[in-house]
Each structure stands twice: as C-alpha cells, then as structure tokens.
Amino acid sequence: MPMPSRSTDCSTGRHLPRSRHRDVADALVQRSACRSCGVTIVKSAISRRWIISGMLG
C-alpha cells in the first residue's frame, strides 16, 4: 500500500513542522510552519497535534 503524499496529508489536516521549529521551554504553545504547504501551525502542550494557527481563534 503506497504512502499518501504530503499534499494529501495537508488537505486532511495532517501538517508536519519544519525541521527547525522553535521549541520554547515552559511554553504552552509551540509554533512552526508546515514543511509541505508553508501554513503557520501550532501545537499545544495538551493536544500534541499540529494544527493551523487560525483554528485556535
């Protein structure tokens, strides 16, 4: 079974951070950009999942 392409992952909401994203000690939210589509993404300490930053409000 072939692996889905990165653009397919982005269209389903599965973004991957750039290899050099900024981890800030004791920060509740980590920020980066998607390595495939370039959209700004964030990850909270609770969810552990990268989402588009506009989805947080």
PDB file of N, CA and C in Angstrom:
ATOM      1  N   MET A   1       0.852  -1.177   0.000  1.00  0.00           N
ATOM      2  CA  MET A   1       0.000   0.000   0.000  1.00  0.00           C
ATOM      3  C   MET A   1       0.900   1.243   0.000  1.00  0.00           C
ATOM      4  N   PRO A   2       0.751   2.153  -0.965  1.00  0.00           N
ATOM      5  CA  PRO A   2       1.617   3.335  -1.039  1.00  0.00           C
ATOM      6  C   PRO A   2       1.298   4.343   0.052  1.00  0.00           C
ATOM      7  N   MET A   3       2.349   5.071   0.459  1.00  0.00           N
ATOM      8  CA  MET A   3       2.177   6.128   1.453  1.00  0.00           C
ATOM      9  C   MET A   3       1.480   7.318   0.810  1.00  0.00           C
ATOM     10  N   PRO A   4       0.581   8.005   1.527  1.00  0.00           N
ATOM     11  CA  PRO A   4      -0.059   9.193   0.958  1.00  0.00           C
ATOM     12  C   PRO A   4       0.959  10.313   0.776  1.00  0.00           C
ATOM     13  N   SER A   5       0.710  11.153  -0.219  1.00  0.00           N
ATOM     14  CA  SER A   5       1.634  12.258  -0.462  1.00  0.00           C
ATOM     15  C   SER A   5       1.473  13.320   0.610  1.00  0.00           C
ATOM     16  N   ARG A   6       2.474  14.167   0.736  1.00  0.00           N
ATOM     17  CA  ARG A   6       2.419  15.225   1.747  1.00  0.00           C
ATOM     18  C   ARG A   6       1.288  16.194   1.483  1.00  0.00           C
ATOM     19  N   SER A   7       1.009  16.508   0.211  1.00  0.00           N
ATOM     20  CA  SER A   7      -0.079  17.437  -0.075  1.00  0.00           C
ATOM     21  C   SER A   7      -1.418  16.841   0.341  1.00  0.00           C
ATOM     22  N   THR A   8      -1.557  15.521   0.227  1.00  0.00           N
ATOM     23  CA  THR A   8      -2.771  14.853   0.694  1.00  0.00           C
ATOM     24  C   THR A   8      -2.860  14.959   2.205  1.00  0.00           C
ATOM     25  N   ASP A   9      -1.730  14.789   2.891  1.00  0.00           N
ATOM     26  CA  ASP A   9      -1.728  14.928   4.341  1.00  0.00           C
ATOM     27  C   ASP A   9      -2.188  16.327   4.742  1.00  0.00           C
ATOM     28  N   CYS A  10      -1.706  17.349   4.056  1.00  0.00           N
ATOM     29  CA  CYS A  10      -2.099  18.727   4.369  1.00  0.00           C
ATOM     30  C   CYS A  10      -3.595  18.939   4.136  1.00  0.00           C
ATOM     31  N   SER A  11      -4.119  18.370   3.081  1.00  0.00           N
ATOM     32  CA  SER A  11      -5.539  18.566   2.787  1.00  0.00           C
ATOM     33  C   SER A  11      -6.434  17.877   3.800  1.00  0.00           C
ATOM     34  N   THR A  12      -5.895  16.901   4.521  1.00  0.00           N
ATOM     35  CA  THR A  12      -6.674  16.231   5.563  1.00  0.00           C
ATOM     36  C   THR A  12      -6.340  16.755   6.954  1.00  0.00           C
ATOM     37  N   GLY A  13      -5.508  17.820   7.025  1.00  0.00           N
ATOM     38  CA  GLY A  13      -5.206  18.436   8.306  1.00  0.00           C
ATOM     39  C   GLY A  13      -4.014  17.852   9.039  1.00  0.00           C
ATOM     40  N   ARG A  14      -3.213  17.035   8.357  1.00  0.00           N
ATOM     41  CA  ARG A  14      -2.042  16.421   8.992  1.00  0.00           C
ATOM     42  C   ARG A  14      -0.785  17.140   8.531  1.00  0.00           C
ATOM     43  N   HIS A  15      -0.481  18.256   9.169  1.00  0.00           N
ATOM     44  CA  HIS A  15       0.674  19.068   8.817  1.00  0.00           C
ATOM     45  C   HIS A  15       1.901  18.630   9.604  1.00  0.00           C
ATOM     46  N   LEU A  16       3.068  18.746   8.972  1.00  0.00           N
ATOM     47  CA  LEU A  16       4.335  18.409   9.624  1.00  0.00           C
ATOM     48  C   LEU A  16       5.155  19.674   9.784  1.00  0.00           C
ATOM     49  N   PRO A  17       5.740  19.893  10.966  1.00  0.00           N
ATOM     50  CA  PRO A  17       6.517  21.111  11.176  1.00  0.00           C
ATOM     51  C   PRO A  17       7.839  21.070  10.422  1.00  0.00           C
ATOM     52  N   ARG A  18       8.365  22.246  10.141  1.00  0.00           N
ATOM     53  CA  ARG A  18       9.707  22.318   9.576  1.00  0.00           C
ATOM     54  C   ARG A  18      10.681  21.691  10.553  1.00  0.00           C
ATOM     55  N   SER A  19      11.789  21.228  10.046  1.00  0.00           N
ATOM     56  CA  SER A  19      12.752  20.550  10.904  1.00  0.00           C
ATOM     57  C   SER A  19      13.329  21.482  11.957  1.00  0.00           C
ATOM     58  N   ARG A  20      13.327  22.781  11.708  1.00  0.00           N
ATOM     59  CA  ARG A  20      13.858  23.744  12.679  1.00  0.00           C
ATOM     60  C   ARG A  20      12.745  24.630  13.227  1.00  0.00           C
ATOM     61  N   HIS A  21      11.809  24.067  13.945  1.00  0.00           N
ATOM     62  CA  HIS A  21      10.787  24.891  14.585  1.00  0.00           C
ATOM     63  C   HIS A  21      11.290  25.346  15.946  1.00  0.00           C
ATOM     64  N   ARG A  22      10.665  26.389  16.452  1.00  0.00           N
ATOM     65  CA  ARG A  22      11.119  26.980  17.707  1.00  0.00           C
ATOM     66  C   ARG A  22      10.440  26.339  18.907  1.00  0.00           C
ATOM     67  N   ASP A  23      11.148  25.510  19.642  1.00  0.00           N
ATOM     68  CA  ASP A  23      10.645  24.980  20.906  1.00  0.00           C
ATOM     69  C   ASP A  23      11.081  25.937  22.002  1.00  0.00           C
ATOM     70  N   VAL A  24      10.127  26.420  22.772  1.00  0.00           N
ATOM     71  CA  VAL A  24      10.424  27.345  23.851  1.00  0.00           C
ATOM     72  C   VAL A  24      10.119  26.639  25.167  1.00  0.00           C
ATOM     73  N   ALA A  25      11.098  26.570  26.028  1.00  0.00           N
ATOM     74  CA  ALA A  25      10.913  25.890  27.310  1.00  0.00           C
ATOM     75  C   ALA A  25       9.769  26.514  28.095  1.00  0.00           C
ATOM     76  N   ASP A  26       8.936  25.682  28.684  1.00  0.00           N
ATOM     77  CA  ASP A  26       7.790  26.089  29.511  1.00  0.00           C
ATOM     78  C   ASP A  26       6.711  26.845  28.741  1.00  0.00           C
ATOM     79  N   ALA A  27       6.744  26.842  27.417  1.00  0.00           N
ATOM     80  CA  ALA A  27       5.690  27.491  26.628  1.00  0.00           C
ATOM     81  C   ALA A  27       4.542  26.507  26.440  1.00  0.00           C
ATOM     82  N   LEU A  28       3.322  27.001  26.557  1.00  0.00           N
ATOM     83  CA  LEU A  28       2.157  26.139  26.379  1.00  0.00           C
ATOM     84  C   LEU A  28       1.873  25.853  24.916  1.00  0.00           C
ATOM     85  N   VAL A  29       2.336  26.733  24.016  1.00  0.00           N
ATOM     86  CA  VAL A  29       2.083  26.573  22.587  1.00  0.00           C
ATOM     87  C   VAL A  29       3.402  26.660  21.827  1.00  0.00           C
ATOM     88  N   GLN A  30       3.648  25.687  20.945  1.00  0.00           N
ATOM     89  CA  GLN A  30       4.814  25.694  20.066  1.00  0.00           C
ATOM     90  C   GLN A  30       4.354  26.146  18.685  1.00  0.00           C
ATOM     91  N   ARG A  31       5.173  26.929  17.983  1.00  0.00           N
ATOM     92  CA  ARG A  31       4.812  27.452  16.667  1.00  0.00           C
ATOM     93  C   ARG A  31       5.821  27.008  15.623  1.00  0.00           C
ATOM     94  N   SER A  32       5.319  26.788  14.403  1.00  0.00           N
ATOM     95  CA  SER A  32       6.178  26.417  13.291  1.00  0.00           C
ATOM     96  C   SER A  32       5.436  26.717  11.995  1.00  0.00           C
ATOM     97  N   ALA A  33       5.974  26.224  10.907  1.00  0.00           N
ATOM     98  CA  ALA A  33       5.316  26.293   9.603  1.00  0.00           C
ATOM     99  C   ALA A  33       5.337  24.882   9.029  1.00  0.00           C
ATOM    100  N   CYS A  34       4.343  24.541   8.246  1.00  0.00           N
ATOM    101  CA  CYS A  34       4.266  23.222   7.643  1.00  0.00           C
ATOM    102  C   CYS A  34       5.367  23.087   6.594  1.00  0.00           C
ATOM    103  N   ARG A  35       6.074  21.973   6.621  1.00  0.00           N
ATOM    104  CA  ARG A  35       7.172  21.785   5.665  1.00  0.00           C
ATOM    105  C   ARG A  35       6.669  21.513   4.255  1.00  0.00           C
ATOM    106  N   SER A  36       5.393  21.160   4.088  1.00  0.00           N
ATOM    107  CA  SER A  36       4.858  20.893   2.755  1.00  0.00           C
ATOM    108  C   SER A  36       4.183  22.109   2.132  1.00  0.00           C
ATOM    109  N   CYS A  37       3.264  22.740   2.898  1.00  0.00           N
ATOM    110  CA  CYS A  37       2.476  23.825   2.310  1.00  0.00           C
ATOM    111  C   CYS A  37       2.838  25.204   2.854  1.00  0.00           C
ATOM    112  N   GLY A  38       3.613  25.279   3.950  1.00  0.00           N
ATOM    113  CA  GLY A  38       4.079  26.556   4.474  1.00  0.00           C
ATOM    114  C   GLY A  38       3.123  27.293   5.390  1.00  0.00           C
ATOM    115  N   VAL A  39       1.956  26.735   5.664  1.00  0.00           N
ATOM    116  CA  VAL A  39       0.990  27.392   6.537  1.00  0.00           C
ATOM    117  C   VAL A  39       1.539  27.448   7.965  1.00  0.00           C
ATOM    118  N   THR A  40       1.179  28.483   8.717  1.00  0.00           N
ATOM    119  CA  THR A  40       1.601  28.602  10.108  1.00  0.00           C
ATOM    120  C   THR A  40       0.813  27.605  10.942  1.00  0.00           C
ATOM    121  N   ILE A  41       1.530  26.785  11.706  1.00  0.00           N
ATOM    122  CA  ILE A  41       0.887  25.771  12.535  1.00  0.00           C
ATOM    123  C   ILE A  41       1.351  25.910  13.983  1.00  0.00           C
ATOM    124  N   VAL A  42       0.514  25.433  14.890  1.00  0.00           N
ATOM    125  CA  VAL A  42       0.817  25.479  16.319  1.00  0.00           C
ATOM    126  C   VAL A  42       0.507  24.123  16.943  1.00  0.00           C
ATOM    127  N   LYS A  43       1.136  23.877  18.094  1.00  0.00           N
ATOM    128  CA  LYS A  43       0.881  22.647  18.838  1.00  0.00           C
ATOM    129  C   LYS A  43       0.805  23.014  20.307  1.00  0.00           C
ATOM    130  N   SER A  44      -0.272  22.617  20.965  1.00  0.00           N
ATOM    131  CA  SER A  44      -0.376  22.899  22.394  1.00  0.00           C
ATOM    132  C   SER A  44       0.242  21.755  23.180  1.00  0.00           C
ATOM    133  N   ALA A  45       0.608  22.034  24.402  1.00  0.00           N
ATOM    134  CA  ALA A  45       1.198  21.015  25.264  1.00  0.00           C
ATOM    135  C   ALA A  45       0.198  19.907  25.568  1.00  0.00           C
ATOM    136  N   ILE A  46      -1.064  20.223  25.513  1.00  0.00           N
ATOM    137  CA  ILE A  46      -2.098  19.243  25.843  1.00  0.00           C
ATOM    138  C   ILE A  46      -2.432  18.348  24.657  1.00  0.00           C
ATOM    139  N   SER A  47      -2.605  18.935  23.458  1.00  0.00           N
ATOM    140  CA  SER A  47      -3.071  18.150  22.321  1.00  0.00           C
ATOM    141  C   SER A  47      -1.982  17.327  21.646  1.00  0.00           C
ATOM    142  N   ARG A  48      -0.745  17.826  21.643  1.00  0.00           N
ATOM    143  CA  ARG A  48       0.387  17.179  20.977  1.00  0.00           C
ATOM    144  C   ARG A  48       0.188  17.020  19.480  1.00  0.00           C
ATOM    145  N   ARG A  49      -0.747  17.740  18.881  1.00  0.00           N
ATOM    146  CA  ARG A  49      -1.026  17.640  17.454  1.00  0.00           C
ATOM    147  C   ARG A  49      -0.842  19.006  16.815  1.00  0.00           C
ATOM    148  N   TRP A  50      -0.221  19.050  15.654  1.00  0.00           N
ATOM    149  CA  TRP A  50      -0.018  20.308  14.937  1.00  0.00           C
ATOM    150  C   TRP A  50      -1.299  20.670  14.196  1.00  0.00           C
ATOM    151  N   ILE A  51      -1.781  21.903  14.397  1.00  0.00           N
ATOM    152  CA  ILE A  51      -2.976  22.399  13.717  1.00  0.00           C
ATOM    153  C   ILE A  51      -2.694  23.775  13.149  1.00  0.00           C
ATOM    154  N   ILE A  52      -3.510  24.198  12.191  1.00  0.00           N
ATOM    155  CA  ILE A  52      -3.377  25.538  11.618  1.00  0.00           C
ATOM    156  C   ILE A  52      -3.649  26.559  12.701  1.00  0.00           C
ATOM    157  N   SER A  53      -2.809  27.591  12.802  1.00  0.00           N
ATOM    158  CA  SER A  53      -2.902  28.524  13.927  1.00  0.00           C
ATOM    159  C   SER A  53      -4.220  29.266  13.965  1.00  0.00           C
ATOM    160  N   GLY A  54      -4.852  29.543  12.869  1.00  0.00           N
ATOM    161  CA  GLY A  54      -6.130  30.246  12.844  1.00  0.00           C
ATOM    162  C   GLY A  54      -7.261  29.459  13.485  1.00  0.00           C
ATOM    163  N   MET A  55      -7.081  28.159  13.658  1.00  0.00           N
ATOM    164  CA  MET A  55      -8.122  27.328  14.240  1.00  0.00           C
ATOM    165  C   MET A  55      -8.249  27.528  15.747  1.00  0.00           C
ATOM    166  N   LEU A  56      -7.240  28.171  16.377  1.00  0.00           N
ATOM    167  CA  LEU A  56      -7.313  28.416  17.804  1.00  0.00           C
ATOM    168  C   LEU A  56      -8.072  29.694  18.143  1.00  0.00           C
ATOM    169  N   GLY A  57      -8.336  30.481  17.146  1.00  0.00           N
ATOM    170  CA  GLY A  57      -9.096  31.705  17.376  1.00  0.00           C
ATOM    171  C   GLY A  57      -8.317  32.957  17.298  1.00  0.00           C
TER     172      GLY A  57
END
